N, C-alpha and C. Protein backbone atom coordinates (compact mmCIF):
# COMPACT_ATOMS: atom_id res chain seq x y z
N MET A 1 52.89 45.04 51.18
CA MET A 1 53.98 45.25 50.27
C MET A 1 53.41 45.66 48.92
N ASN A 2 54.02 46.66 48.33
CA ASN A 2 53.61 47.07 46.99
C ASN A 2 54.10 46.05 45.98
N ASP A 3 53.31 45.79 44.98
CA ASP A 3 53.80 44.96 43.89
C ASP A 3 53.22 45.49 42.59
N LEU A 4 53.94 45.29 41.53
CA LEU A 4 53.53 45.73 40.21
C LEU A 4 53.38 44.50 39.34
N ASP A 5 52.23 44.35 38.72
CA ASP A 5 51.97 43.20 37.85
C ASP A 5 52.20 41.88 38.59
N GLY A 6 51.92 41.82 39.87
CA GLY A 6 52.07 40.60 40.63
C GLY A 6 53.49 40.26 41.03
N ARG A 7 54.43 41.16 40.77
CA ARG A 7 55.83 40.90 41.12
C ARG A 7 56.14 41.44 42.50
N LYS A 8 57.10 40.80 43.16
CA LYS A 8 57.55 41.21 44.49
C LYS A 8 59.07 41.23 44.49
N LEU A 9 59.63 41.93 45.46
CA LEU A 9 61.08 41.98 45.59
C LEU A 9 61.56 40.86 46.49
N PHE A 10 62.49 40.07 45.99
CA PHE A 10 63.17 39.04 46.76
C PHE A 10 64.66 39.33 46.71
N VAL A 11 65.38 38.90 47.72
CA VAL A 11 66.83 39.04 47.73
C VAL A 11 67.42 37.62 47.70
N VAL A 12 68.18 37.35 46.66
CA VAL A 12 68.83 36.05 46.49
C VAL A 12 70.25 36.17 47.03
N THR A 13 70.64 35.26 47.92
CA THR A 13 71.98 35.26 48.49
C THR A 13 72.77 34.11 47.90
N LEU A 14 73.92 34.45 47.32
CA LEU A 14 74.82 33.47 46.72
C LEU A 14 76.11 33.45 47.52
N VAL A 15 76.71 32.28 47.67
CA VAL A 15 77.95 32.11 48.42
C VAL A 15 79.01 31.54 47.49
N ASP A 16 80.23 32.08 47.58
CA ASP A 16 81.35 31.58 46.78
C ASP A 16 81.97 30.37 47.48
N GLU A 17 81.93 29.23 46.83
CA GLU A 17 82.48 28.01 47.41
C GLU A 17 84.00 27.95 47.31
N ASN A 18 84.63 28.86 46.58
CA ASN A 18 86.08 28.87 46.42
C ASN A 18 86.77 29.85 47.35
N SER A 19 86.19 30.15 48.49
CA SER A 19 86.83 31.05 49.45
C SER A 19 88.09 30.39 50.01
N PRO A 20 89.12 31.19 50.29
CA PRO A 20 90.35 30.63 50.85
C PRO A 20 90.09 29.93 52.18
N ASP A 21 90.87 28.92 52.47
CA ASP A 21 90.73 28.19 53.74
C ASP A 21 90.82 29.15 54.92
N GLY A 22 89.90 29.02 55.84
CA GLY A 22 89.89 29.85 57.04
C GLY A 22 89.26 31.22 56.86
N ALA A 23 88.95 31.60 55.62
CA ALA A 23 88.35 32.92 55.36
C ALA A 23 86.83 32.78 55.32
N GLN A 24 86.17 33.85 55.66
CA GLN A 24 84.72 33.89 55.52
C GLN A 24 84.39 33.80 54.03
N PRO A 25 83.39 33.02 53.67
CA PRO A 25 83.03 32.94 52.25
C PRO A 25 82.49 34.28 51.75
N ARG A 26 82.82 34.58 50.50
CA ARG A 26 82.28 35.79 49.90
C ARG A 26 80.80 35.57 49.65
N VAL A 27 80.01 36.60 49.88
CA VAL A 27 78.57 36.53 49.72
C VAL A 27 78.14 37.63 48.76
N ILE A 28 77.24 37.29 47.85
CA ILE A 28 76.68 38.27 46.92
C ILE A 28 75.17 38.24 47.09
N HIS A 29 74.58 39.42 47.22
CA HIS A 29 73.13 39.56 47.32
C HIS A 29 72.63 40.13 46.00
N VAL A 30 71.68 39.44 45.39
CA VAL A 30 71.14 39.84 44.10
C VAL A 30 69.65 40.10 44.24
N PRO A 31 69.16 41.28 43.85
CA PRO A 31 67.72 41.52 43.91
C PRO A 31 67.01 40.82 42.76
N ALA A 32 65.83 40.33 43.04
CA ALA A 32 65.00 39.71 42.01
C ALA A 32 63.59 40.25 42.18
N PHE A 33 63.09 40.92 41.17
CA PHE A 33 61.75 41.48 41.17
C PHE A 33 60.88 40.59 40.32
N VAL A 34 60.31 39.55 40.95
CA VAL A 34 59.60 38.50 40.23
C VAL A 34 58.30 38.14 40.94
N ALA A 35 57.57 37.21 40.37
CA ALA A 35 56.25 36.86 40.89
C ALA A 35 56.29 36.00 42.15
N ASP A 36 57.26 35.09 42.25
CA ASP A 36 57.25 34.19 43.40
C ASP A 36 58.67 33.75 43.77
N ILE A 37 58.77 33.10 44.90
CA ILE A 37 60.07 32.71 45.44
C ILE A 37 60.75 31.65 44.56
N ALA A 38 59.98 30.77 43.93
CA ALA A 38 60.57 29.75 43.06
C ALA A 38 61.24 30.40 41.85
N THR A 39 60.61 31.42 41.29
CA THR A 39 61.20 32.13 40.16
C THR A 39 62.46 32.87 40.60
N ALA A 40 62.43 33.47 41.79
CA ALA A 40 63.61 34.15 42.32
C ALA A 40 64.76 33.18 42.49
N ALA A 41 64.49 31.99 43.01
CA ALA A 41 65.53 30.98 43.20
C ALA A 41 66.09 30.53 41.86
N ARG A 42 65.22 30.32 40.88
CA ARG A 42 65.67 29.89 39.56
C ARG A 42 66.55 30.95 38.91
N ARG A 43 66.13 32.20 39.01
CA ARG A 43 66.93 33.28 38.42
C ARG A 43 68.26 33.46 39.16
N GLY A 44 68.22 33.27 40.47
CA GLY A 44 69.46 33.35 41.25
C GLY A 44 70.44 32.28 40.83
N GLN A 45 69.95 31.07 40.62
CA GLN A 45 70.82 29.97 40.17
C GLN A 45 71.36 30.24 38.78
N GLU A 46 70.52 30.78 37.90
CA GLU A 46 70.99 31.14 36.55
C GLU A 46 72.09 32.19 36.63
N TYR A 47 71.93 33.17 37.52
CA TYR A 47 72.95 34.21 37.71
C TYR A 47 74.24 33.56 38.19
N ALA A 48 74.14 32.66 39.18
CA ALA A 48 75.33 31.98 39.71
C ALA A 48 76.02 31.18 38.62
N ASP A 49 75.25 30.46 37.82
CA ASP A 49 75.82 29.63 36.76
C ASP A 49 76.52 30.45 35.69
N ASN A 50 76.06 31.68 35.47
CA ASN A 50 76.63 32.54 34.42
C ASN A 50 77.39 33.72 34.99
N PHE A 51 77.84 33.63 36.24
CA PHE A 51 78.47 34.76 36.92
C PHE A 51 79.65 35.34 36.13
N ALA A 52 80.46 34.49 35.54
CA ALA A 52 81.64 34.97 34.81
C ALA A 52 81.26 35.90 33.65
N ASN A 53 80.04 35.77 33.12
CA ASN A 53 79.60 36.59 31.99
C ASN A 53 78.83 37.83 32.41
N THR A 54 78.59 38.01 33.71
CA THR A 54 77.87 39.19 34.18
C THR A 54 78.83 40.37 34.31
N PRO A 55 78.31 41.59 34.33
CA PRO A 55 79.20 42.74 34.54
C PRO A 55 79.97 42.62 35.86
N GLU A 56 79.32 42.12 36.91
CA GLU A 56 79.99 41.96 38.19
C GLU A 56 81.07 40.90 38.10
N GLY A 57 80.79 39.82 37.40
CA GLY A 57 81.77 38.75 37.25
C GLY A 57 82.98 39.17 36.44
N LYS A 58 82.75 40.01 35.45
CA LYS A 58 83.85 40.48 34.61
C LYS A 58 84.78 41.43 35.35
N THR A 59 84.26 42.12 36.37
CA THR A 59 85.09 43.05 37.13
C THR A 59 85.54 42.47 38.47
N ALA A 60 85.11 41.27 38.80
CA ALA A 60 85.48 40.66 40.09
C ALA A 60 86.97 40.39 40.13
N GLN A 61 87.56 40.59 41.29
CA GLN A 61 88.99 40.35 41.45
C GLN A 61 89.30 38.86 41.45
N VAL A 62 88.34 38.04 41.85
CA VAL A 62 88.53 36.60 41.87
C VAL A 62 87.80 36.02 40.67
N LYS A 63 88.53 35.56 39.69
CA LYS A 63 87.93 35.08 38.44
C LYS A 63 87.38 33.67 38.56
N ASP A 64 87.82 32.91 39.57
CA ASP A 64 87.40 31.52 39.67
C ASP A 64 86.26 31.33 40.68
N ALA A 65 85.43 32.34 40.84
CA ALA A 65 84.32 32.24 41.79
C ALA A 65 83.39 31.10 41.38
N LYS A 66 83.03 30.30 42.35
CA LYS A 66 82.07 29.22 42.12
C LYS A 66 80.91 29.47 43.08
N LEU A 67 79.88 30.12 42.56
CA LEU A 67 78.76 30.53 43.39
C LEU A 67 77.71 29.44 43.50
N ARG A 68 77.10 29.36 44.67
CA ARG A 68 75.97 28.46 44.86
C ARG A 68 74.86 29.25 45.55
N LEU A 69 73.65 28.85 45.28
CA LEU A 69 72.48 29.48 45.89
C LEU A 69 72.47 29.15 47.38
N HIS A 70 72.39 30.18 48.20
CA HIS A 70 72.37 29.98 49.65
C HIS A 70 70.96 30.17 50.20
N SER A 71 70.30 31.28 49.83
CA SER A 71 68.96 31.53 50.35
C SER A 71 68.23 32.55 49.48
N VAL A 72 66.92 32.59 49.66
CA VAL A 72 66.07 33.60 49.02
C VAL A 72 65.18 34.15 50.13
N THR A 73 65.17 35.46 50.28
CA THR A 73 64.34 36.09 51.30
C THR A 73 63.43 37.13 50.70
N ASP A 74 62.35 37.39 51.40
CA ASP A 74 61.42 38.45 51.03
C ASP A 74 62.17 39.76 51.20
N GLY A 75 62.20 40.56 50.14
CA GLY A 75 62.98 41.78 50.16
C GLY A 75 62.37 42.93 50.93
N GLY A 76 61.15 42.81 51.36
CA GLY A 76 60.53 43.89 52.12
C GLY A 76 59.71 44.80 51.23
N ARG A 77 59.55 46.00 51.68
CA ARG A 77 58.67 46.96 50.97
C ARG A 77 59.39 47.57 49.75
N ILE A 78 58.59 47.83 48.75
CA ILE A 78 59.06 48.54 47.58
C ILE A 78 58.41 49.91 47.62
N LEU A 79 59.22 50.92 47.74
CA LEU A 79 58.70 52.28 47.81
C LEU A 79 58.69 52.87 46.40
N THR A 80 57.52 53.29 45.97
CA THR A 80 57.44 53.85 44.62
C THR A 80 56.97 55.27 44.67
């Protein structure tokens, strides 16, 4: 995998805990280009905590989204 300055691509998956009963929970995948998985998880949680203030949160149709960190995966190759 290519990395720049020791950073790698991770994909942080967040799940909306306020999904309607019986509906599949909404899932958001956020890329994180960071040094390690712990940093990716921390940044993903920060994104979830501040979702209402993000550009995506401001345009989301559901304003009461309550996101929680679901998983962090290795994002694969970075093609440069």
